[in-house]
Amino acid sequence: MKDRAQKNSFLNRFLTTLVATTVSIVLTFGTTAIIDRKKQKDDKREMVMMILYDMHESLEVVEQCDVELKTFFDTQLDVVAHPQKMDTVYVHLAVSIPAHDYTTTMENIFKSNIETIQTIGNILFVETVSSFYDIRERYKDEVVDPFQTHAFEASQDYGSLQYLDTPNFIFISESYLRRLKRDYEQCMQMMKVTDEDLVSFRKQQQKLRGATNEDDNEMVIKSALEQNRRRNELQKAREAGRKELE
């Protein structure tokens, strides 16, 4: 009886230890899995927001280019109808020539890193973003760059200004702008991102950039002060040198 009681006691302790160990393992790996899933979800959200933010910024650049094309055309009409204004509105023509100023950092990361596609996990979203970036590049190549070439020349020569086909550039610009807006809006809907979400993310990015700019400004001021200090020291050294030579 005593041996049986000892065996039962040992068995109970063993089972208790086994259960405790099993529960500990389940909790450990279960918690790790939950943390990993949350991290993957957060990484996906961050990547999506960065891409949408970049698309939004690019869209604003293209919209501004479209506005500048139409402003140039309005001035062109006025000058062509009144040649005597050519000399006085040259500046107005020049400042209305659009510039396609955007960075390709996000696009390069998106297209060159296979992990981006794996993180996002939405092929249709990836294809739509790729379409957006392709159209953005075509807008630069087919609208902005050639218009700049012709417009700079036309803004200095009345004869060239008469025959600059600005309406055609505006037509192409509007066509590409519609496609960019369509791709952007589809991406927003697919990833269930609202305008408010993007505004909040944009403010965060601008705040970070603002802090960086403030740091840059401080460095510029510091460098300028150091430059003045060194110049003063150099001037004193010159004066000391002249005295010794005398």
Protein backbone atom coordinates (compact mmCIF):
# COMPACT_ATOMS: atom_id res chain seq x y z
CA MET A 1 0.00 0.00 0.00
CA LYS A 2 2.83 2.34 0.88
CA ASP A 3 4.59 1.65 -2.45
CA ARG A 4 1.36 2.25 -4.35
CA ALA A 5 0.82 5.56 -2.55
CA GLN A 6 4.37 6.62 -3.36
CA LYS A 7 3.85 5.70 -7.02
CA ASN A 8 0.60 7.66 -7.16
CA SER A 9 2.28 10.64 -5.52
CA PHE A 10 5.15 10.48 -8.01
CA LEU A 11 2.70 10.15 -10.90
CA ASN A 12 0.70 13.13 -9.69
CA ARG A 13 3.83 15.27 -9.39
CA PHE A 14 4.95 14.15 -12.85
CA LEU A 15 1.58 14.96 -14.42
CA THR A 16 1.46 18.32 -12.66
CA THR A 17 4.95 19.17 -13.92
CA LEU A 18 4.06 18.00 -17.44
CA VAL A 19 0.90 20.08 -17.52
CA ALA A 20 2.73 23.12 -16.19
CA THR A 21 5.51 22.69 -18.75
CA THR A 22 3.00 22.22 -21.57
CA VAL A 23 1.02 25.29 -20.55
CA SER A 24 4.25 27.29 -20.32
CA ILE A 25 5.29 26.20 -23.82
CA VAL A 26 1.86 26.97 -25.25
CA LEU A 27 1.82 30.39 -23.60
CA THR A 28 5.36 31.18 -24.77
CA PHE A 29 4.84 30.19 -28.40
CA GLY A 30 1.28 31.51 -28.42
CA THR A 31 2.39 34.90 -27.14
CA THR A 32 5.27 34.95 -29.64
CA ALA A 33 2.87 34.15 -32.48
CA ILE A 34 0.53 36.95 -31.39
CA ILE A 35 3.42 39.41 -31.19
CA ASP A 36 4.71 38.31 -34.62
CA ARG A 37 1.27 38.70 -36.20
CA LYS A 38 0.89 42.15 -34.69
CA LYS A 39 4.33 43.17 -35.94
CA GLN A 40 3.52 41.91 -39.44
CA LYS A 41 0.25 43.83 -39.37
CA ASP A 42 2.00 46.99 -38.15
CA ASP A 43 4.75 46.62 -40.78
CA LYS A 44 2.13 46.20 -43.50
CA ARG A 45 0.22 49.27 -42.33
CA GLU A 46 3.39 51.36 -42.15
CA MET A 47 4.47 50.30 -45.63
CA VAL A 48 1.03 50.98 -47.11
CA MET A 49 0.86 54.42 -45.49
CA MET A 50 4.31 55.34 -46.76
CA ILE A 51 3.37 54.34 -50.31
CA LEU A 52 0.04 56.16 -50.22
CA TYR A 53 1.73 59.23 -48.76
CA ASP A 54 4.24 59.19 -51.62
CA MET A 55 1.43 58.78 -54.15
CA HIS A 56 -0.47 61.69 -52.61
CA GLU A 57 2.58 63.94 -52.71
CA SER A 58 3.24 62.99 -56.35
CA LEU A 59 -0.39 63.66 -57.24
CA GLU A 60 -0.12 67.17 -55.78
CA VAL A 61 2.99 67.79 -57.91
CA VAL A 62 1.20 66.69 -61.08
CA GLU A 63 -1.88 68.76 -60.21
CA GLN A 64 0.37 71.80 -59.79
CA CYS A 65 2.02 71.11 -63.15
CA ASP A 66 -1.43 70.94 -64.76
CA VAL A 67 -2.37 74.29 -63.22
CA GLU A 68 0.88 75.86 -64.43
CA LEU A 69 0.31 74.58 -67.98
CA LYS A 70 -3.09 76.27 -68.06
CA THR A 71 -1.66 79.46 -66.57
CA PHE A 72 1.03 79.45 -69.28
CA PHE A 73 -1.66 78.97 -71.93
CA ASP A 74 -3.71 81.92 -70.65
CA THR A 75 -0.64 84.16 -70.82
CA GLN A 76 0.27 82.73 -74.23
CA LEU A 77 -3.18 83.66 -75.58
CA ASP A 78 -2.82 87.22 -74.31
CA VAL A 79 0.66 87.70 -75.78
CA VAL A 80 -0.16 86.11 -79.14
CA ALA A 81 -3.14 88.47 -79.45
CA HIS A 82 -1.08 91.46 -78.26
CA PRO A 83 2.55 91.07 -79.48
CA GLN A 84 3.61 94.32 -77.80
CA LYS A 85 3.26 92.56 -74.42
CA MET A 86 5.98 90.04 -75.24
CA ASP A 87 8.73 91.93 -73.45
CA THR A 88 6.69 92.76 -70.37
CA VAL A 89 5.17 89.32 -69.67
CA TYR A 90 8.28 87.26 -70.33
CA VAL A 91 8.65 86.61 -66.60
CA HIS A 92 5.04 85.47 -66.33
CA LEU A 93 5.62 82.94 -69.08
CA ALA A 94 8.85 81.69 -67.54
CA VAL A 95 7.45 81.15 -64.03
CA SER A 96 4.47 79.26 -65.45
CA ILE A 97 6.63 76.56 -67.03
CA PRO A 98 5.95 73.45 -64.90
CA ALA A 99 8.65 71.56 -63.02
CA HIS A 100 8.07 67.93 -62.06
CA ASP A 101 9.79 67.89 -58.68
CA TYR A 102 9.42 64.63 -56.77
CA THR A 103 11.61 61.95 -55.20
CA THR A 104 11.83 58.35 -56.41
CA THR A 105 13.06 56.89 -53.12
CA MET A 106 9.79 55.16 -52.25
CA GLU A 107 9.34 53.95 -55.82
CA ASN A 108 12.83 52.43 -55.84
CA ILE A 109 12.21 50.65 -52.53
CA PHE A 110 8.83 49.44 -53.74
CA LYS A 111 10.10 48.07 -57.06
CA SER A 112 13.44 46.65 -55.96
CA ASN A 113 12.53 44.92 -52.70
CA ILE A 114 10.58 41.66 -53.00
CA GLU A 115 9.88 41.81 -49.26
CA THR A 116 7.65 44.82 -49.92
CA ILE A 117 5.27 42.66 -51.94
CA GLN A 118 5.40 39.90 -49.34
CA THR A 119 4.72 42.35 -46.52
CA ILE A 120 1.74 43.95 -48.25
CA GLY A 121 0.28 40.67 -49.45
CA ASN A 122 -2.14 42.26 -51.92
CA ILE A 123 -1.23 41.69 -55.57
CA LEU A 124 -3.89 44.04 -56.94
CA PHE A 125 -2.62 46.84 -54.72
CA VAL A 126 0.94 46.19 -55.86
CA GLU A 127 -0.10 46.22 -59.53
CA THR A 128 -2.04 49.46 -59.11
CA VAL A 129 0.86 51.17 -57.35
CA SER A 130 3.19 50.01 -60.14
CA SER A 131 0.77 51.49 -62.68
CA PHE A 132 0.76 54.79 -60.78
CA TYR A 133 4.56 55.02 -60.79
CA ASP A 134 4.72 54.13 -64.48
CA ILE A 135 2.22 56.87 -65.36
CA ARG A 136 4.09 59.34 -63.18
CA GLU A 137 7.26 58.64 -65.16
CA ARG A 138 5.43 58.96 -68.48
CA TYR A 139 3.98 62.30 -67.35
CA LYS A 140 7.49 63.58 -66.79
CA ASP A 141 8.79 62.18 -70.09
CA GLU A 142 5.84 63.09 -72.30
CA VAL A 143 4.52 66.30 -70.74
CA VAL A 144 6.90 68.16 -68.45
CA ASP A 145 10.29 67.56 -70.07
CA PRO A 146 9.27 68.28 -73.70
CA PHE A 147 7.11 71.24 -72.70
CA GLN A 148 10.00 72.77 -70.77
CA THR A 149 12.24 72.46 -73.85
CA HIS A 150 9.73 74.13 -76.17
CA ALA A 151 8.36 76.65 -73.68
CA PHE A 152 11.76 78.09 -72.71
CA GLU A 153 12.44 78.80 -76.36
CA ALA A 154 8.92 80.10 -77.03
CA SER A 155 8.98 82.44 -74.04
CA GLN A 156 11.85 84.32 -75.70
CA ASP A 157 10.58 84.38 -79.28
CA TYR A 158 7.17 85.61 -80.40
CA GLY A 159 7.22 83.50 -83.55
CA SER A 160 7.83 80.31 -81.58
CA LEU A 161 5.22 81.28 -78.98
CA GLN A 162 2.53 81.56 -81.66
CA TYR A 163 2.93 77.94 -82.69
CA LEU A 164 3.63 76.26 -79.37
CA ASP A 165 0.87 73.63 -79.09
CA THR A 166 0.14 74.13 -75.41
CA PRO A 167 -3.44 72.77 -75.77
CA ASN A 168 -2.03 69.38 -76.74
CA PHE A 169 0.21 69.28 -73.66
CA ILE A 170 -2.78 70.22 -71.50
CA PHE A 171 -4.85 67.44 -73.06
CA ILE A 172 -2.17 64.83 -72.30
CA SER A 173 -1.67 66.26 -68.82
CA GLU A 174 -5.36 65.99 -67.97
CA SER A 175 -5.48 62.44 -69.31
CA TYR A 176 -2.56 61.27 -67.16
CA LEU A 177 -3.85 63.19 -64.15
CA ARG A 178 -7.19 61.36 -64.33
CA ARG A 179 -5.40 58.00 -64.43
CA LEU A 180 -3.18 58.91 -61.49
CA LYS A 181 -6.18 59.96 -59.42
CA ARG A 182 -7.99 56.74 -60.33
CA ASP A 183 -5.06 54.56 -59.25
CA TYR A 184 -4.58 56.52 -56.04
CA GLU A 185 -8.26 56.32 -55.06
CA GLN A 186 -8.38 52.59 -55.83
CA CYS A 187 -5.36 51.98 -53.60
CA MET A 188 -6.97 53.96 -50.79
CA GLN A 189 -10.14 51.87 -51.06
CA MET A 190 -8.33 48.54 -51.33
CA MET A 191 -6.30 49.11 -48.18
CA LYS A 192 -9.21 50.76 -46.34
CA VAL A 193 -7.29 53.96 -45.67
CA THR A 194 -9.35 57.10 -45.15
CA ASP A 195 -8.39 60.68 -45.98
CA GLU A 196 -8.23 61.34 -42.23
CA ASP A 197 -5.76 58.46 -41.79
CA LEU A 198 -3.50 59.88 -44.46
CA VAL A 199 -3.75 63.43 -43.13
CA SER A 200 -2.66 62.18 -39.71
CA PHE A 201 0.25 60.24 -41.22
CA ARG A 202 1.20 63.24 -43.34
CA LYS A 203 1.31 65.50 -40.29
CA GLN A 204 3.62 63.03 -38.57
CA GLN A 205 5.95 63.01 -41.57
CA GLN A 206 5.93 66.79 -41.83
CA LYS A 207 6.62 67.07 -38.11
CA LEU A 208 9.64 64.79 -38.49
CA ARG A 209 10.84 66.76 -41.48
CA GLY A 210 10.31 70.00 -39.58
CA ALA A 211 12.43 68.74 -36.70
CA THR A 212 15.13 67.73 -39.17
CA ASN A 213 14.98 71.12 -40.87
CA GLU A 214 15.32 72.85 -37.50
CA ASP A 215 18.40 70.75 -36.77
CA ASP A 216 19.79 71.67 -40.20
CA ASN A 217 19.15 75.37 -39.54
CA GLU A 218 20.95 75.16 -36.22
CA MET A 219 23.91 73.50 -37.92
CA VAL A 220 23.99 76.22 -40.59
CA ILE A 221 23.96 78.95 -37.94
CA LYS A 222 26.67 77.19 -35.98
CA SER A 223 28.81 76.78 -39.12
CA ALA A 224 28.35 80.45 -39.99
CA LEU A 225 29.48 81.51 -36.52
CA GLU A 226 32.50 79.23 -36.79
CA GLN A 227 33.28 80.68 -40.21
CA ASN A 228 33.26 84.23 -38.80
CA ARG A 229 35.43 83.14 -35.88
CA ARG A 230 38.03 81.60 -38.19
CA ARG A 231 38.00 84.67 -40.44
CA ASN A 232 38.63 86.90 -37.44
CA GLU A 233 41.49 84.67 -36.34
CA LEU A 234 42.93 84.71 -39.86
CA GLN A 235 42.69 88.51 -39.98
CA LYS A 236 44.49 88.78 -36.63
CA ALA A 237 47.18 86.41 -37.91
CA ARG A 238 47.62 88.61 -41.02
CA GLU A 239 48.02 91.72 -38.88
CA ALA A 240 50.48 89.96 -36.61
CA GLY A 241 52.43 88.81 -39.64
CA ARG A 242 52.57 92.30 -41.12
CA LYS A 243 53.89 93.73 -37.83
CA GLU A 244 56.68 91.16 -37.72
CA LEU A 245 57.63 91.92 -41.33
CA GLU A 246 57.86 95.62 -40.51
